Each structure stands twice: as structure tokens, then as C-alpha cells.
C-alpha atoms as a PDB file:
ATOM      1  CA  UNK A   1      30.242  -1.493  21.161  1.00  0.00           C
ATOM      2  CA  UNK A   2      30.761   1.664  19.154  1.00  0.00           C
ATOM      3  CA  UNK A   3      33.617   1.700  16.676  1.00  0.00           C
ATOM      4  CA  UNK A   4      35.088   4.804  18.348  1.00  0.00           C
ATOM      5  CA  UNK A   5      35.200   3.009  21.708  1.00  0.00           C
ATOM      6  CA  UNK A   6      36.790  -0.051  20.111  1.00  0.00           C
ATOM      7  CA  UNK A   7      39.492   2.152  18.549  1.00  0.00           C
ATOM      8  CA  UNK A   8      40.075   3.866  21.893  1.00  0.00           C
ATOM      9  CA  UNK A   9      40.531   0.485  23.590  1.00  0.00           C
ATOM     10  CA  UNK A  10      42.923  -0.700  20.889  1.00  0.00           C
ATOM     11  CA  UNK A  11      44.945   2.518  21.199  1.00  0.00           C
ATOM     12  CA  UNK A  12      45.142   2.178  24.985  1.00  0.00           C
ATOM     13  CA  UNK A  13      46.291  -1.426  24.720  1.00  0.00           C
ATOM     14  CA  UNK A  14      48.951  -0.417  22.213  1.00  0.00           C
ATOM     15  CA  UNK A  15      50.216   2.271  24.607  1.00  0.00           C
ATOM     16  CA  UNK A  16      50.246  -0.352  27.359  1.00  0.00           C
ATOM     17  CA  UNK A  17      52.291  -2.749  25.218  1.00  0.00           C
ATOM     18  CA  UNK A  18      54.783  -0.005  24.340  1.00  0.00           C
ATOM     19  CA  UNK A  19      55.204   1.001  27.992  1.00  0.00           C
ATOM     20  CA  UNK A  20      55.810  -2.622  28.943  1.00  0.00           C
ATOM     21  CA  UNK A  21      58.392  -2.964  26.167  1.00  0.00           C
ATOM     22  CA  UNK A  22      60.128   0.176  27.407  1.00  0.00           C
ATOM     23  CA  UNK A  23      60.112  -1.242  30.943  1.00  0.00           C
ATOM     24  CA  UNK A  24      61.850  -4.407  29.750  1.00  0.00           C
ATOM     25  CA  UNK A  25      64.571  -2.375  28.041  1.00  0.00           C
ATOM     26  CA  UNK A  26      65.058  -0.150  31.060  1.00  0.00           C
ATOM     27  CA  UNK A  27      65.295  -3.137  33.377  1.00  0.00           C
ATOM     28  CA  UNK A  28      67.847  -4.839  31.108  1.00  0.00           C
ATOM     29  CA  UNK A  29      69.882  -1.639  31.215  1.00  0.00           C
ATOM     30  CA  UNK A  30      69.879  -1.667  35.013  1.00  0.00           C
ATOM     31  CA  UNK A  31      67.392   1.169  35.432  1.00  0.00           C
ATOM     32  CA  UNK A  32      64.816  -0.477  37.715  1.00  0.00           C
ATOM     33  CA  UNK A  33      63.247   2.750  39.023  1.00  0.00           C
ATOM     34  CA  UNK A  34      62.501   3.903  35.488  1.00  0.00           C
ATOM     35  CA  UNK A  35      61.246   0.427  34.571  1.00  0.00           C
ATOM     36  CA  UNK A  36      58.795   0.546  37.476  1.00  0.00           C
ATOM     37  CA  UNK A  37      57.470   3.879  36.205  1.00  0.00           C
ATOM     38  CA  UNK A  38      56.827   2.401  32.760  1.00  0.00           C
ATOM     39  CA  UNK A  39      55.167  -0.680  34.294  1.00  0.00           C
ATOM     40  CA  UNK A  40      52.830   1.587  36.268  1.00  0.00           C
ATOM     41  CA  UNK A  41      51.725   3.306  33.057  1.00  0.00           C
ATOM     42  CA  UNK A  42      51.400  -0.009  31.219  1.00  0.00           C
ATOM     43  CA  UNK A  43      49.042  -1.238  33.927  1.00  0.00           C
ATOM     44  CA  UNK A  44      47.177   2.063  34.037  1.00  0.00           C
ATOM     45  CA  UNK A  45      46.402   1.951  30.314  1.00  0.00           C
ATOM     46  CA  UNK A  46      45.474  -1.738  30.479  1.00  0.00           C
ATOM     47  CA  UNK A  47      43.105  -1.042  33.392  1.00  0.00           C
ATOM     48  CA  UNK A  48      41.596   1.905  31.518  1.00  0.00           C
ATOM     49  CA  UNK A  49      40.943  -0.298  28.489  1.00  0.00           C
ATOM     50  CA  UNK A  50      39.273  -2.928  30.689  1.00  0.00           C
ATOM     51  CA  UNK A  51      36.971  -0.257  32.099  1.00  0.00           C
ATOM     52  CA  UNK A  52      36.147   0.932  28.589  1.00  0.00           C
ATOM     53  CA  UNK A  53      35.166  -2.605  27.586  1.00  0.00           C
ATOM     54  CA  UNK A  54      32.595  -2.503  30.384  1.00  0.00           C
ATOM     55  CA  UNK A  55      31.352   0.911  29.318  1.00  0.00           C
ATOM     56  CA  UNK A  56      33.111   3.036  31.947  1.00  0.00           C
ATOM     57  CA  UNK A  57      35.615   5.810  31.381  1.00  0.00           C
ATOM     58  CA  UNK A  58      37.922   7.479  33.868  1.00  0.00           C
ATOM     59  CA  UNK A  59      39.941  10.550  32.965  1.00  0.00           C
ATOM     60  CA  UNK A  60      42.525  10.738  35.762  1.00  0.00           C
ATOM     61  CA  UNK A  61      44.774   8.216  37.524  1.00  0.00           C
ATOM     62  CA  UNK A  62      42.821   8.210  40.757  1.00  0.00           C
ATOM     63  CA  UNK A  63      39.602   7.725  38.793  1.00  0.00           C
ATOM     64  CA  UNK A  64      41.021   4.705  36.968  1.00  0.00           C
ATOM     65  CA  UNK A  65      42.152   3.151  40.259  1.00  0.00           C
ATOM     66  CA  UNK A  66      38.829   3.852  41.973  1.00  0.00           C
ATOM     67  CA  UNK A  67      36.662   2.647  39.081  1.00  0.00           C
ATOM     68  CA  UNK A  68      38.840  -0.447  38.592  1.00  0.00           C
ATOM     69  CA  UNK A  69      38.309  -1.344  42.240  1.00  0.00           C
ATOM     70  CA  UNK A  70      34.567  -0.747  42.087  1.00  0.00           C
ATOM     71  CA  UNK A  71      33.808  -2.230  38.681  1.00  0.00           C
ATOM     72  CA  UNK A  72      36.299  -5.093  38.382  1.00  0.00           C
ATOM     73  CA  UNK A  73      37.695  -6.065  41.781  1.00  0.00           C
ATOM     74  CA  UNK A  74      34.528  -5.615  43.848  1.00  0.00           C
ATOM     75  CA  UNK A  75      32.480  -7.427  41.203  1.00  0.00           C
ATOM     76  CA  UNK A  76      35.104 -10.227  41.188  1.00  0.00           C
ATOM     77  CA  UNK A  77      35.891  -9.804  37.493  1.00  0.00           C
ATOM     78  CA  UNK A  78      39.594  -9.853  38.342  1.00  0.00           C
ATOM     79  CA  UNK A  79      41.401 -11.808  41.032  1.00  0.00           C
ATOM     80  CA  UNK A  80      42.587  -9.896  44.076  1.00  0.00           C
ATOM     81  CA  UNK A  81      44.426 -10.983  47.188  1.00  0.00           C
ATOM     82  CA  UNK A  82      45.434  -8.967  50.246  1.00  0.00           C
ATOM     83  CA  UNK A  83      48.675 -10.966  50.216  1.00  0.00           C
ATOM     84  CA  UNK A  84      49.689  -9.546  46.833  1.00  0.00           C
ATOM     85  CA  UNK A  85      48.356  -6.024  47.361  1.00  0.00           C
ATOM     86  CA  UNK A  86      50.925  -3.273  47.021  1.00  0.00           C
ATOM     87  CA  UNK A  87      51.030  -1.006  50.026  1.00  0.00           C
ATOM     88  CA  UNK A  88      50.983   2.745  49.413  1.00  0.00           C
ATOM     89  CA  UNK A  89      54.115   4.502  50.630  1.00  0.00           C
END
């Protein structure tokens, strides 16, 4: 793996950790809607870093979701259950 890719992955994971920390603070301060927003971004950056580990890169949200499904869920690299799937509103 190239050093530049490794640094990109580390940076994305750091952003993910910060978003999760912000979500915890928001939830403690009774701001659940804002906490959910931060959790979404924490997961987005974590998913993007997982794709980068496998050599894929997605630039937009829909691309991350699509590639994650194709490269990780479909290939059974992550667990997935219809019972736990979030339904789109």
C-alpha cells in the first residue's frame, strides 16, 4: 500500500473518531437529531477508509454507499442482516 493511501486512511479514521466523539457529546446534551448526523458521518468516513484499504475510492456519499455494498457486503467481508437494515425514509 502506498504511503499516501495509508495517510489518507489514517486521516479518514481520525475524522470518523472525531465525529463519533461529537455524537456522544451531542447525545449527552439531549440533542439526538444532531448526534445522528454526526454518527452518519462517522460511519461514512469509516466505510470510505475500508474501501481505501481494498484499493477502491469513492468521492461522493452515494458512491461510498454503493461501493461499500458491492465490495464489502456482497463479498461478505462485513456482516449484513435484513433484520438490522435501516429503511430509507
